[in-house]
Amino acid sequence: MKRLYKRIKVATLVFGMGCFFACGPLPKLSKAEKRIIRDVVRAPVPEIVRGETGLAISKDHSIWYERIRPDPPSKGVIMLIMGNGNDALSWPASFVSALIAENYEVVRFDHRGTGLSTSTKKWKKKDPYSLDDMADDVIAILDTLNVQKAHIVGASMGGMIAQIVAIEHPNRTASLTSIMSSGDVLDPELPPMSNKVVPKMVGAILKYGFFGNKKGQIKRQIVQKKILMGKATGAIAIKPMAEASLYNLRKREGYKLLSARHHYEAILNASSRYEALSELEIPTLLIHGVQDPVIPISHDKKLATLMPQADTLWIANMGHDFPEAALPQIVRTMISNFE
């Protein structure tokens, strides 16, 4: 059995290598970017987590969260829900800071299988958890914090989970912001999620993630961001990204790359939310990048036709990520939707 497992593991690795070489070269890091990463690794680890932290119990899962409060008075609570395979620290630091500067409390958390969230039940393909289960994690955090209502904000898979929270718990949802997401990723009338990005993401993992040291794993994070940018252009805030990655690697549990597979199964097993979303009476904002290489913008454009009450923000120079240049506009539009 051990020999069979090893053969399967090697075959998977070889297949991944084949994907890597088939997809062409990965985005390169400039000398300046490499120098910033080197300097960050050599410097003391900055304190990234400054808010109130704890664990919320959601059935078999303990979900780690951080609650960051502004100077009083607070205008409300924003619940941030990240995408596939990502943890709480994946949110851009400048994005979180901008929301707090607007006097909102921000809650971010580690998805199942990531960061400091743990489970007493192993994931099984025959019995996987669903996006609905992950939406229950959000409610468990709100219950733990005694927050009755929050502005629910999700990106990519997090947008799908945010939609479910709004549908199933409208009394707990002050507003919904769904970013670079979809109401049905398997909609046969729309272009599917891209199969061109995955080999490149696997290639970055093979080059930096599995075998790399801390510097290598930080490089992987930044290279993958460049992949997700697609054809969009713009500077990347290398230093804060590198600092968050280093904090994750030295002061937390690092990156658990298999969680992305578990989350992907939950995405594929989810039902269409079109009908339920069309009946929502909650202030809703749909944000999408025109250059998104993962979930085509046509997904949110269709959702906008089904949700005529929703506001929209289409950003020309944005892929499947949060470009620094677009963050002020994104935050302003979100705050307008909140208020």
C-alpha atoms as a PDB file:
ATOM      1  CA  MET A   1       0.000   0.000   0.000  1.00  0.00           C
ATOM      2  CA  LYS A   2       2.820   2.409   0.853  1.00  0.00           C
ATOM      3  CA  ARG A   3       4.494   1.639  -2.470  1.00  0.00           C
ATOM      4  CA  LEU A   4       1.219   2.288  -4.335  1.00  0.00           C
ATOM      5  CA  TYR A   5       0.761   5.562  -2.487  1.00  0.00           C
ATOM      6  CA  LYS A   6       4.297   6.599  -3.393  1.00  0.00           C
ATOM      7  CA  ARG A   7       3.703   5.769  -7.069  1.00  0.00           C
ATOM      8  CA  ILE A   8       0.513   7.813  -7.097  1.00  0.00           C
ATOM      9  CA  LYS A   9       2.342  10.700  -5.452  1.00  0.00           C
ATOM     10  CA  VAL A  10       5.168  10.548  -7.991  1.00  0.00           C
ATOM     11  CA  ALA A  11       2.702  10.264 -10.893  1.00  0.00           C
ATOM     12  CA  THR A  12       0.867  13.322  -9.619  1.00  0.00           C
ATOM     13  CA  LEU A  13       4.155  15.202  -9.369  1.00  0.00           C
ATOM     14  CA  VAL A  14       5.160  14.200 -12.911  1.00  0.00           C
ATOM     15  CA  PHE A  15       1.743  15.253 -14.213  1.00  0.00           C
ATOM     16  CA  GLY A  16       2.088  18.564 -12.434  1.00  0.00           C
ATOM     17  CA  MET A  17       5.535  19.054 -13.956  1.00  0.00           C
ATOM     18  CA  GLY A  18       4.035  18.296 -17.360  1.00  0.00           C
ATOM     19  CA  CYS A  19       1.363  20.931 -16.754  1.00  0.00           C
ATOM     20  CA  PHE A  20       4.068  23.348 -15.703  1.00  0.00           C
ATOM     21  CA  PHE A  21       6.140  22.975 -18.853  1.00  0.00           C
ATOM     22  CA  ALA A  22       3.047  22.834 -21.084  1.00  0.00           C
ATOM     23  CA  CYS A  23       1.736  26.151 -19.823  1.00  0.00           C
ATOM     24  CA  GLY A  24       4.937  28.010 -20.638  1.00  0.00           C
ATOM     25  CA  PRO A  25       7.211  30.063 -18.389  1.00  0.00           C
ATOM     26  CA  LEU A  26       6.025  31.492 -15.101  1.00  0.00           C
ATOM     27  CA  PRO A  27       6.013  35.242 -14.413  1.00  0.00           C
ATOM     28  CA  LYS A  28       9.441  36.403 -13.346  1.00  0.00           C
ATOM     29  CA  LEU A  29      10.482  38.365 -10.301  1.00  0.00           C
ATOM     30  CA  SER A  30      12.602  41.440 -10.916  1.00  0.00           C
ATOM     31  CA  LYS A  31      15.894  42.039  -9.126  1.00  0.00           C
ATOM     32  CA  ALA A  32      14.217  44.780  -7.085  1.00  0.00           C
ATOM     33  CA  GLU A  33      11.408  42.417  -6.030  1.00  0.00           C
ATOM     34  CA  LYS A  34      13.907  39.713  -5.055  1.00  0.00           C
ATOM     35  CA  ARG A  35      15.860  42.286  -3.043  1.00  0.00           C
ATOM     36  CA  ILE A  36      12.726  43.353  -1.148  1.00  0.00           C
ATOM     37  CA  ILE A  37      11.916  39.713  -0.332  1.00  0.00           C
ATOM     38  CA  ARG A  38      15.495  39.101   0.841  1.00  0.00           C
ATOM     39  CA  ASP A  39      15.417  42.180   3.079  1.00  0.00           C
ATOM     40  CA  VAL A  40      12.065  41.167   4.592  1.00  0.00           C
ATOM     41  CA  VAL A  41      13.324  37.658   5.403  1.00  0.00           C
ATOM     42  CA  ARG A  42      16.426  39.085   7.112  1.00  0.00           C
ATOM     43  CA  ALA A  43      14.494  41.664   9.148  1.00  0.00           C
ATOM     44  CA  PRO A  44      12.544  40.962  12.383  1.00  0.00           C
ATOM     45  CA  VAL A  45       9.079  39.589  11.745  1.00  0.00           C
ATOM     46  CA  PRO A  46       6.566  42.459  11.895  1.00  0.00           C
ATOM     47  CA  GLU A  47       3.423  42.101  13.989  1.00  0.00           C
ATOM     48  CA  ILE A  48       0.664  41.477  11.455  1.00  0.00           C
ATOM     49  CA  VAL A  49      -2.134  40.307  13.784  1.00  0.00           C
ATOM     50  CA  ARG A  50      -3.089  43.128  16.143  1.00  0.00           C
ATOM     51  CA  GLY A  51      -6.797  42.584  16.782  1.00  0.00           C
ATOM     52  CA  GLU A  52      -8.842  40.400  19.115  1.00  0.00           C
ATOM     53  CA  THR A  53      -8.385  36.746  18.152  1.00  0.00           C
ATOM     54  CA  GLY A  54     -10.192  33.558  19.056  1.00  0.00           C
ATOM     55  CA  LEU A  55     -11.794  30.351  17.840  1.00  0.00           C
ATOM     56  CA  ALA A  56     -15.409  29.866  16.812  1.00  0.00           C
ATOM     57  CA  ILE A  57     -16.760  26.313  16.958  1.00  0.00           C
ATOM     58  CA  SER A  58     -18.643  25.260  13.824  1.00  0.00           C
ATOM     59  CA  LYS A  59     -19.574  21.594  14.225  1.00  0.00           C
ATOM     60  CA  ASP A  60     -16.289  19.649  13.825  1.00  0.00           C
ATOM     61  CA  HIS A  61     -14.265  22.752  12.994  1.00  0.00           C
ATOM     62  CA  SER A  62     -12.532  25.393  15.090  1.00  0.00           C
ATOM     63  CA  ILE A  63     -12.383  28.553  12.994  1.00  0.00           C
ATOM     64  CA  TRP A  64      -9.694  31.103  13.850  1.00  0.00           C
ATOM     65  CA  TYR A  65     -10.736  34.740  13.541  1.00  0.00           C
ATOM     66  CA  GLU A  66      -9.390  38.221  14.139  1.00  0.00           C
ATOM     67  CA  ARG A  67     -11.576  41.222  15.014  1.00  0.00           C
ATOM     68  CA  ILE A  68      -9.968  44.600  14.400  1.00  0.00           C
ATOM     69  CA  ARG A  69     -11.735  47.585  15.953  1.00  0.00           C
ATOM     70  CA  PRO A  70     -11.437  51.227  14.904  1.00  0.00           C
ATOM     71  CA  ASP A  71     -11.390  54.157  17.269  1.00  0.00           C
ATOM     72  CA  PRO A  72     -14.957  54.502  18.556  1.00  0.00           C
ATOM     73  CA  PRO A  73     -17.637  54.988  17.554  1.00  0.00           C
ATOM     74  CA  SER A  74     -17.885  52.084  15.101  1.00  0.00           C
ATOM     75  CA  LYS A  75     -20.207  52.366  12.096  1.00  0.00           C
ATOM     76  CA  GLY A  76     -20.678  48.596  11.918  1.00  0.00           C
ATOM     77  CA  VAL A  77     -18.960  45.270  11.368  1.00  0.00           C
ATOM     78  CA  ILE A  78     -17.500  44.033   8.077  1.00  0.00           C
ATOM     79  CA  MET A  79     -17.036  40.277   7.680  1.00  0.00           C
ATOM     80  CA  LEU A  80     -14.336  39.457   5.106  1.00  0.00           C
ATOM     81  CA  ILE A  81     -14.492  36.026   3.420  1.00  0.00           C
ATOM     82  CA  MET A  82     -11.461  35.048   1.349  1.00  0.00           C
ATOM     83  CA  GLY A  83     -11.195  32.776  -1.691  1.00  0.00           C
ATOM     84  CA  ASN A  84     -10.094  29.235  -2.460  1.00  0.00           C
ATOM     85  CA  GLY A  85      -7.175  27.965  -0.346  1.00  0.00           C
ATOM     86  CA  ASN A  86      -6.562  31.346   1.281  1.00  0.00           C
ATOM     87  CA  ASP A  87      -6.459  32.363   4.925  1.00  0.00           C
ATOM     88  CA  ALA A  88      -7.190  35.585   6.820  1.00  0.00           C
ATOM     89  CA  LEU A  89      -3.840  37.182   6.051  1.00  0.00           C
ATOM     90  CA  SER A  90      -4.457  36.980   2.296  1.00  0.00           C
ATOM     91  CA  TRP A  91      -6.486  40.201   2.441  1.00  0.00           C
ATOM     92  CA  PRO A  92      -4.292  43.144   1.359  1.00  0.00           C
ATOM     93  CA  ALA A  93      -3.110  45.071   4.418  1.00  0.00           C
ATOM     94  CA  SER A  94      -3.941  48.406   2.777  1.00  0.00           C
ATOM     95  CA  PHE A  95      -7.487  47.219   2.032  1.00  0.00           C
ATOM     96  CA  VAL A  96      -8.115  46.245   5.659  1.00  0.00           C
ATOM     97  CA  SER A  97      -6.553  49.480   6.926  1.00  0.00           C
ATOM     98  CA  ALA A  98      -8.722  51.567   4.597  1.00  0.00           C
ATOM     99  CA  LEU A  99     -11.914  49.965   5.897  1.00  0.00           C
ATOM    100  CA  ILE A 100     -10.856  50.536   9.521  1.00  0.00           C
ATOM    101  CA  ALA A 101     -10.003  54.146   8.681  1.00  0.00           C
ATOM    102  CA  GLU A 102     -13.668  54.537   7.689  1.00  0.00           C
ATOM    103  CA  ASN A 103     -14.571  53.564  11.278  1.00  0.00           C
ATOM    104  CA  TYR A 104     -15.752  50.037  10.564  1.00  0.00           C
ATOM    105  CA  GLU A 105     -14.815  46.963  12.567  1.00  0.00           C
ATOM    106  CA  VAL A 106     -13.224  44.293  10.373  1.00  0.00           C
ATOM    107  CA  VAL A 107     -13.454  40.560  11.023  1.00  0.00           C
ATOM    108  CA  ARG A 108     -11.311  38.196   8.958  1.00  0.00           C
ATOM    109  CA  PHE A 109     -10.798  34.467   9.455  1.00  0.00           C
ATOM    110  CA  ASP A 110      -8.977  31.338   8.329  1.00  0.00           C
ATOM    111  CA  HIS A 111     -11.062  29.059   6.129  1.00  0.00           C
ATOM    112  CA  ARG A 112     -11.318  25.393   7.025  1.00  0.00           C
ATOM    113  CA  GLY A 113      -7.983  23.718   6.375  1.00  0.00           C
ATOM    114  CA  THR A 114      -5.996  26.970   6.369  1.00  0.00           C
ATOM    115  CA  GLY A 115      -4.033  29.009   8.902  1.00  0.00           C
ATOM    116  CA  LEU A 116      -4.892  28.300  12.526  1.00  0.00           C
ATOM    117  CA  SER A 117      -8.325  26.784  11.867  1.00  0.00           C
ATOM    118  CA  THR A 118      -8.452  23.100  12.788  1.00  0.00           C
ATOM    119  CA  SER A 119     -10.825  20.164  12.480  1.00  0.00           C
ATOM    120  CA  THR A 120     -11.475  16.964  14.394  1.00  0.00           C
ATOM    121  CA  LYS A 121     -12.859  15.362  11.230  1.00  0.00           C
ATOM    122  CA  LYS A 122     -10.656  14.542   8.248  1.00  0.00           C
ATOM    123  CA  TRP A 123     -11.756  15.698   4.807  1.00  0.00           C
ATOM    124  CA  LYS A 124     -12.978  12.863   2.585  1.00  0.00           C
ATOM    125  CA  LYS A 125     -13.867  12.998  -1.089  1.00  0.00           C
ATOM    126  CA  LYS A 126     -16.893  10.777  -0.417  1.00  0.00           C
ATOM    127  CA  ASP A 127     -18.070  13.103   2.335  1.00  0.00           C
ATOM    128  CA  PRO A 128     -16.727  16.605   1.596  1.00  0.00           C
ATOM    129  CA  TYR A 129     -17.958  19.763   3.241  1.00  0.00           C
ATOM    130  CA  SER A 130     -19.939  22.238   1.163  1.00  0.00           C
ATOM    131  CA  LEU A 131     -20.054  25.987   0.615  1.00  0.00           C
ATOM    132  CA  ASP A 132     -23.170  25.940   2.813  1.00  0.00           C
ATOM    133  CA  ASP A 133     -21.082  24.401   5.592  1.00  0.00           C
ATOM    134  CA  MET A 134     -18.481  27.130   5.115  1.00  0.00           C
ATOM    135  CA  ALA A 135     -21.250  29.735   5.305  1.00  0.00           C
ATOM    136  CA  ASP A 136     -22.158  28.210   8.683  1.00  0.00           C
ATOM    137  CA  ASP A 137     -18.589  29.015   9.784  1.00  0.00           C
ATOM    138  CA  VAL A 138     -19.311  32.703   9.152  1.00  0.00           C
ATOM    139  CA  ILE A 139     -22.449  32.591  11.294  1.00  0.00           C
ATOM    140  CA  ALA A 140     -20.544  30.728  14.018  1.00  0.00           C
ATOM    141  CA  ILE A 141     -18.030  33.600  14.161  1.00  0.00           C
ATOM    142  CA  LEU A 142     -20.781  36.227  14.320  1.00  0.00           C
ATOM    143  CA  ASP A 143     -22.464  34.263  17.138  1.00  0.00           C
ATOM    144  CA  THR A 144     -19.181  33.958  19.029  1.00  0.00           C
ATOM    145  CA  LEU A 145     -18.625  37.711  18.757  1.00  0.00           C
ATOM    146  CA  ASN A 146     -22.266  38.515  19.594  1.00  0.00           C
ATOM    147  CA  VAL A 147     -22.595  40.412  16.317  1.00  0.00           C
ATOM    148  CA  GLN A 148     -26.218  40.430  15.217  1.00  0.00           C
ATOM    149  CA  LYS A 149     -25.700  41.923  11.759  1.00  0.00           C
ATOM    150  CA  ALA A 150     -22.660  42.517   9.539  1.00  0.00           C
ATOM    151  CA  HIS A 151     -21.716  43.717   6.080  1.00  0.00           C
ATOM    152  CA  ILE A 152     -20.789  40.462   4.332  1.00  0.00           C
ATOM    153  CA  VAL A 153     -17.908  40.829   1.858  1.00  0.00           C
ATOM    154  CA  GLY A 154     -16.489  37.910  -0.111  1.00  0.00           C
ATOM    155  CA  ALA A 155     -13.920  37.479  -2.881  1.00  0.00           C
ATOM    156  CA  SER A 156     -14.011  34.670  -5.472  1.00  0.00           C
ATOM    157  CA  MET A 157     -15.109  31.546  -3.549  1.00  0.00           C
ATOM    158  CA  GLY A 158     -15.642  33.902  -0.629  1.00  0.00           C
ATOM    159  CA  GLY A 159     -18.172  35.788  -2.770  1.00  0.00           C
ATOM    160  CA  MET A 160     -20.108  32.549  -3.271  1.00  0.00           C
ATOM    161  CA  ILE A 161     -20.087  31.917   0.474  1.00  0.00           C
ATOM    162  CA  ALA A 162     -21.153  35.525   1.107  1.00  0.00           C
ATOM    163  CA  GLN A 163     -24.087  35.020  -1.279  1.00  0.00           C
ATOM    164  CA  ILE A 164     -25.183  31.941   0.680  1.00  0.00           C
ATOM    165  CA  VAL A 165     -24.945  33.841   3.987  1.00  0.00           C
ATOM    166  CA  ALA A 166     -27.158  36.599   2.542  1.00  0.00           C
ATOM    167  CA  ILE A 167     -29.656  34.074   1.158  1.00  0.00           C
ATOM    168  CA  GLU A 168     -29.861  31.853   4.245  1.00  0.00           C
ATOM    169  CA  HIS A 169     -29.411  34.563   6.888  1.00  0.00           C
ATOM    170  CA  PRO A 170     -30.825  37.857   5.561  1.00  0.00           C
ATOM    171  CA  ASN A 171     -31.494  39.011   9.141  1.00  0.00           C
ATOM    172  CA  ARG A 172     -27.740  38.787   9.851  1.00  0.00           C
ATOM    173  CA  THR A 173     -26.706  40.528   6.625  1.00  0.00           C
ATOM    174  CA  ALA A 174     -26.582  44.333   6.590  1.00  0.00           C
ATOM    175  CA  SER A 175     -25.302  44.322   2.999  1.00  0.00           C
ATOM    176  CA  LEU A 176     -23.667  41.977   0.479  1.00  0.00           C
ATOM    177  CA  THR A 177     -20.507  42.682  -1.513  1.00  0.00           C
ATOM    178  CA  SER A 178     -19.547  39.919  -3.950  1.00  0.00           C
ATOM    179  CA  ILE A 179     -16.159  40.434  -5.611  1.00  0.00           C
ATOM    180  CA  MET A 180     -14.865  38.582  -8.736  1.00  0.00           C
ATOM    181  CA  SER A 181     -17.347  35.784  -8.117  1.00  0.00           C
ATOM    182  CA  SER A 182     -20.300  33.959  -9.686  1.00  0.00           C
ATOM    183  CA  GLY A 183     -23.850  32.893  -8.891  1.00  0.00           C
ATOM    184  CA  ASP A 184     -23.254  29.596 -10.692  1.00  0.00           C
ATOM    185  CA  VAL A 185     -19.750  28.656 -11.885  1.00  0.00           C
ATOM    186  CA  LEU A 186     -21.186  25.717 -13.855  1.00  0.00           C
ATOM    187  CA  ASP A 187     -23.705  27.820 -15.814  1.00  0.00           C
ATOM    188  CA  PRO A 188     -23.652  26.178 -19.290  1.00  0.00           C
ATOM    189  CA  GLU A 189     -24.510  29.511 -20.920  1.00  0.00           C
ATOM    190  CA  LEU A 190     -21.350  31.187 -19.638  1.00  0.00           C
ATOM    191  CA  PRO A 191     -17.608  30.631 -20.173  1.00  0.00           C
ATOM    192  CA  PRO A 192     -16.306  28.222 -17.511  1.00  0.00           C
ATOM    193  CA  MET A 193     -13.677  28.952 -14.914  1.00  0.00           C
ATOM    194  CA  SER A 194     -10.346  29.086 -16.715  1.00  0.00           C
ATOM    195  CA  ASN A 195      -8.336  25.875 -17.052  1.00  0.00           C
ATOM    196  CA  LYS A 196      -5.275  27.829 -18.193  1.00  0.00           C
ATOM    197  CA  VAL A 197      -4.485  29.355 -14.804  1.00  0.00           C
ATOM    198  CA  VAL A 198      -4.413  26.105 -12.802  1.00  0.00           C
ATOM    199  CA  PRO A 199      -1.294  24.593 -14.487  1.00  0.00           C
ATOM    200  CA  LYS A 200       0.577  27.832 -13.878  1.00  0.00           C
ATOM    201  CA  MET A 201      -0.492  27.894 -10.222  1.00  0.00           C
ATOM    202  CA  VAL A 202       0.651  24.258  -9.901  1.00  0.00           C
ATOM    203  CA  GLY A 203       3.908  25.181 -11.603  1.00  0.00           C
ATOM    204  CA  ALA A 204       4.507  27.934  -9.038  1.00  0.00           C
ATOM    205  CA  ILE A 205       3.844  25.476  -6.207  1.00  0.00           C
ATOM    206  CA  LEU A 206       6.235  22.924  -7.662  1.00  0.00           C
ATOM    207  CA  LYS A 207       8.940  25.517  -8.170  1.00  0.00           C
ATOM    208  CA  TYR A 208       8.622  27.321  -4.841  1.00  0.00           C
ATOM    209  CA  GLY A 209       6.034  25.778  -2.489  1.00  0.00           C
ATOM    210  CA  PHE A 210       6.847  22.150  -1.813  1.00  0.00           C
ATOM    211  CA  PHE A 211      10.624  22.320  -1.871  1.00  0.00           C
ATOM    212  CA  GLY A 212      11.390  25.964  -1.238  1.00  0.00           C
ATOM    213  CA  ASN A 213      12.598  27.598   1.956  1.00  0.00           C
ATOM    214  CA  LYS A 214      10.790  30.572   3.483  1.00  0.00           C
ATOM    215  CA  LYS A 215      12.173  32.896   0.839  1.00  0.00           C
ATOM    216  CA  GLY A 216      10.981  30.486  -1.848  1.00  0.00           C
ATOM    217  CA  GLN A 217       7.481  30.247  -0.419  1.00  0.00           C
ATOM    218  CA  ILE A 218       7.212  34.028  -0.297  1.00  0.00           C
ATOM    219  CA  LYS A 219       8.267  34.126  -3.938  1.00  0.00           C
ATOM    220  CA  ARG A 220       5.519  31.600  -4.730  1.00  0.00           C
ATOM    221  CA  GLN A 221       2.896  33.875  -3.200  1.00  0.00           C
ATOM    222  CA  ILE A 222       3.981  36.812  -5.319  1.00  0.00           C
ATOM    223  CA  VAL A 223       4.373  34.798  -8.529  1.00  0.00           C
ATOM    224  CA  GLN A 224       0.873  33.376  -8.053  1.00  0.00           C
ATOM    225  CA  LYS A 225      -0.488  36.895  -7.613  1.00  0.00           C
ATOM    226  CA  LYS A 226       1.118  37.826 -10.927  1.00  0.00           C
ATOM    227  CA  ILE A 227      -0.555  34.807 -12.528  1.00  0.00           C
ATOM    228  CA  LEU A 228      -3.946  35.853 -11.148  1.00  0.00           C
ATOM    229  CA  MET A 229      -3.486  39.365 -12.511  1.00  0.00           C
ATOM    230  CA  GLY A 230      -3.787  37.905 -16.011  1.00  0.00           C
ATOM    231  CA  LYS A 231      -3.316  40.638 -18.605  1.00  0.00           C
ATOM    232  CA  ALA A 232      -3.879  43.428 -16.079  1.00  0.00           C
ATOM    233  CA  THR A 233      -0.928  45.655 -15.314  1.00  0.00           C
ATOM    234  CA  GLY A 234       0.206  47.602 -12.281  1.00  0.00           C
ATOM    235  CA  ALA A 235       2.619  47.594  -9.381  1.00  0.00           C
ATOM    236  CA  ILE A 236       2.393  44.971  -6.637  1.00  0.00           C
ATOM    237  CA  ALA A 237       2.889  45.928  -2.992  1.00  0.00           C
ATOM    238  CA  ILE A 238       5.713  43.411  -2.558  1.00  0.00           C
ATOM    239  CA  LYS A 239       6.839  44.355   0.959  1.00  0.00           C
ATOM    240  CA  PRO A 240       3.488  43.988   2.816  1.00  0.00           C
ATOM    241  CA  MET A 241       2.786  40.769   0.924  1.00  0.00           C
ATOM    242  CA  ALA A 242       6.216  39.398   1.857  1.00  0.00           C
ATOM    243  CA  GLU A 243       5.764  40.463   5.487  1.00  0.00           C
ATOM    244  CA  ALA A 244       2.374  38.757   5.753  1.00  0.00           C
ATOM    245  CA  SER A 245       3.809  35.595   4.185  1.00  0.00           C
ATOM    246  CA  LEU A 246       6.782  35.573   6.541  1.00  0.00           C
ATOM    247  CA  TYR A 247       4.484  36.059   9.532  1.00  0.00           C
ATOM    248  CA  ASN A 248       2.395  33.109   8.340  1.00  0.00           C
ATOM    249  CA  LEU A 249       5.471  30.921   7.971  1.00  0.00           C
ATOM    250  CA  ARG A 250       7.171  31.813  11.255  1.00  0.00           C
ATOM    251  CA  LYS A 251       4.357  32.613  13.680  1.00  0.00           C
ATOM    252  CA  ARG A 252       1.453  30.568  12.356  1.00  0.00           C
ATOM    253  CA  GLU A 253       1.014  27.189  10.661  1.00  0.00           C
ATOM    254  CA  GLY A 254       2.273  28.230   7.240  1.00  0.00           C
ATOM    255  CA  TYR A 255       0.437  27.347   4.035  1.00  0.00           C
ATOM    256  CA  LYS A 256      -1.631  24.169   3.720  1.00  0.00           C
ATOM    257  CA  LEU A 257      -1.826  23.783  -0.021  1.00  0.00           C
ATOM    258  CA  LEU A 258      -4.194  20.784  -0.066  1.00  0.00           C
ATOM    259  CA  SER A 259      -7.007  22.933   1.315  1.00  0.00           C
ATOM    260  CA  ALA A 260      -7.393  24.456  -2.162  1.00  0.00           C
ATOM    261  CA  ARG A 261      -8.460  21.061  -3.492  1.00  0.00           C
ATOM    262  CA  HIS A 262     -11.044  20.665  -0.715  1.00  0.00           C
ATOM    263  CA  HIS A 263     -12.443  24.129  -1.354  1.00  0.00           C
ATOM    264  CA  TYR A 264     -12.548  23.479  -5.106  1.00  0.00           C
ATOM    265  CA  GLU A 265     -14.717  20.399  -4.523  1.00  0.00           C
ATOM    266  CA  ALA A 266     -17.112  22.536  -2.484  1.00  0.00           C
ATOM    267  CA  ILE A 267     -17.316  25.053  -5.356  1.00  0.00           C
ATOM    268  CA  LEU A 268     -18.053  22.361  -7.957  1.00  0.00           C
ATOM    269  CA  ASN A 269     -20.695  20.705  -5.763  1.00  0.00           C
ATOM    270  CA  ALA A 270     -22.603  23.943  -5.123  1.00  0.00           C
ATOM    271  CA  SER A 271     -26.023  24.539  -6.657  1.00  0.00           C
ATOM    272  CA  SER A 272     -27.010  27.606  -8.661  1.00  0.00           C
ATOM    273  CA  ARG A 273     -27.966  30.598  -6.513  1.00  0.00           C
ATOM    274  CA  TYR A 274     -29.567  32.611  -9.315  1.00  0.00           C
ATOM    275  CA  GLU A 275     -33.199  32.364  -8.225  1.00  0.00           C
ATOM    276  CA  ALA A 276     -32.523  33.045  -4.542  1.00  0.00           C
ATOM    277  CA  LEU A 277     -30.219  35.972  -5.339  1.00  0.00           C
ATOM    278  CA  SER A 278     -32.816  37.534  -7.644  1.00  0.00           C
ATOM    279  CA  GLU A 279     -35.184  37.693  -4.677  1.00  0.00           C
ATOM    280  CA  LEU A 280     -32.728  39.358  -2.282  1.00  0.00           C
ATOM    281  CA  GLU A 281     -33.793  42.716  -0.837  1.00  0.00           C
ATOM    282  CA  ILE A 282     -30.427  43.461   0.774  1.00  0.00           C
ATOM    283  CA  PRO A 283     -28.149  46.273  -0.492  1.00  0.00           C
ATOM    284  CA  THR A 284     -25.853  44.443  -2.904  1.00  0.00           C
ATOM    285  CA  LEU A 285     -22.665  45.380  -4.735  1.00  0.00           C
ATOM    286  CA  LEU A 286     -21.045  43.295  -7.483  1.00  0.00           C
ATOM    287  CA  ILE A 287     -17.369  44.002  -8.252  1.00  0.00           C
ATOM    288  CA  HIS A 288     -15.389  42.347 -11.024  1.00  0.00           C
ATOM    289  CA  GLY A 289     -12.213  42.885 -13.000  1.00  0.00           C
ATOM    290  CA  VAL A 290     -12.557  43.082 -16.778  1.00  0.00           C
ATOM    291  CA  GLN A 291      -9.243  41.203 -17.146  1.00  0.00           C
ATOM    292  CA  ASP A 292     -10.157  38.363 -14.751  1.00  0.00           C
ATOM    293  CA  PRO A 293      -8.386  35.202 -16.020  1.00  0.00           C
ATOM    294  CA  VAL A 294     -10.156  32.837 -13.595  1.00  0.00           C
ATOM    295  CA  ILE A 295     -13.865  33.711 -13.433  1.00  0.00           C
ATOM    296  CA  PRO A 296     -14.876  35.690 -16.543  1.00  0.00           C
ATOM    297  CA  ILE A 297     -16.644  38.983 -15.863  1.00  0.00           C
ATOM    298  CA  SER A 298     -19.645  37.652 -17.816  1.00  0.00           C
ATOM    299  CA  HIS A 299     -20.581  35.715 -14.655  1.00  0.00           C
ATOM    300  CA  ASP A 300     -21.141  38.888 -12.654  1.00  0.00           C
ATOM    301  CA  LYS A 301     -22.698  40.684 -15.616  1.00  0.00           C
ATOM    302  CA  LYS A 302     -25.339  37.960 -15.836  1.00  0.00           C
ATOM    303  CA  LEU A 303     -25.846  38.188 -12.084  1.00  0.00           C
ATOM    304  CA  ALA A 304     -26.381  41.936 -12.458  1.00  0.00           C
ATOM    305  CA  THR A 305     -29.229  41.316 -14.925  1.00  0.00           C
ATOM    306  CA  LEU A 306     -30.850  38.932 -12.431  1.00  0.00           C
ATOM    307  CA  MET A 307     -30.354  41.399  -9.557  1.00  0.00           C
ATOM    308  CA  PRO A 308     -31.487  44.771 -10.973  1.00  0.00           C
ATOM    309  CA  GLN A 309     -31.351  46.246  -7.467  1.00  0.00           C
ATOM    310  CA  ALA A 310     -27.604  45.541  -7.226  1.00  0.00           C
ATOM    311  CA  ASP A 311     -24.952  48.190  -7.816  1.00  0.00           C
ATOM    312  CA  THR A 312     -21.992  47.197  -9.992  1.00  0.00           C
ATOM    313  CA  LEU A 313     -18.351  48.168 -10.318  1.00  0.00           C
ATOM    314  CA  TRP A 314     -16.444  46.860 -13.339  1.00  0.00           C
ATOM    315  CA  ILE A 315     -12.718  47.678 -13.138  1.00  0.00           C
ATOM    316  CA  ALA A 316     -10.860  47.769 -16.461  1.00  0.00           C
ATOM    317  CA  ASN A 317      -7.316  47.023 -15.263  1.00  0.00           C
ATOM    318  CA  MET A 318      -8.080  44.260 -12.757  1.00  0.00           C
ATOM    319  CA  GLY A 319      -7.598  40.507 -12.916  1.00  0.00           C
ATOM    320  CA  HIS A 320      -8.514  37.941 -10.265  1.00  0.00           C
ATOM    321  CA  ASP A 321      -6.862  39.864  -7.468  1.00  0.00           C
ATOM    322  CA  PHE A 322      -6.895  43.196  -5.648  1.00  0.00           C
ATOM    323  CA  PRO A 323      -4.743  45.711  -7.563  1.00  0.00           C
ATOM    324  CA  GLU A 324      -3.310  48.384  -5.294  1.00  0.00           C
ATOM    325  CA  ALA A 325      -4.267  51.150  -7.725  1.00  0.00           C
ATOM    326  CA  ALA A 326      -7.944  50.120  -7.635  1.00  0.00           C
ATOM    327  CA  LEU A 327      -8.286  49.723  -3.868  1.00  0.00           C
ATOM    328  CA  PRO A 328      -9.361  53.338  -3.126  1.00  0.00           C
ATOM    329  CA  GLN A 329     -12.165  53.085  -5.701  1.00  0.00           C
ATOM    330  CA  ILE A 330     -13.220  49.652  -4.412  1.00  0.00           C
ATOM    331  CA  VAL A 331     -13.324  50.874  -0.803  1.00  0.00           C
ATOM    332  CA  ARG A 332     -15.264  54.050  -1.688  1.00  0.00           C
ATOM    333  CA  THR A 333     -17.873  52.049  -3.604  1.00  0.00           C
ATOM    334  CA  MET A 334     -18.182  49.498  -0.807  1.00  0.00           C
ATOM    335  CA  ILE A 335     -18.658  52.212   1.832  1.00  0.00           C
ATOM    336  CA  SER A 336     -21.360  53.810  -0.352  1.00  0.00           C
ATOM    337  CA  ASN A 337     -23.143  50.457  -0.497  1.00  0.00           C
ATOM    338  CA  PHE A 338     -22.842  50.012   3.275  1.00  0.00           C
ATOM    339  CA  GLU A 339     -24.316  53.428   3.974  1.00  0.00           C
END
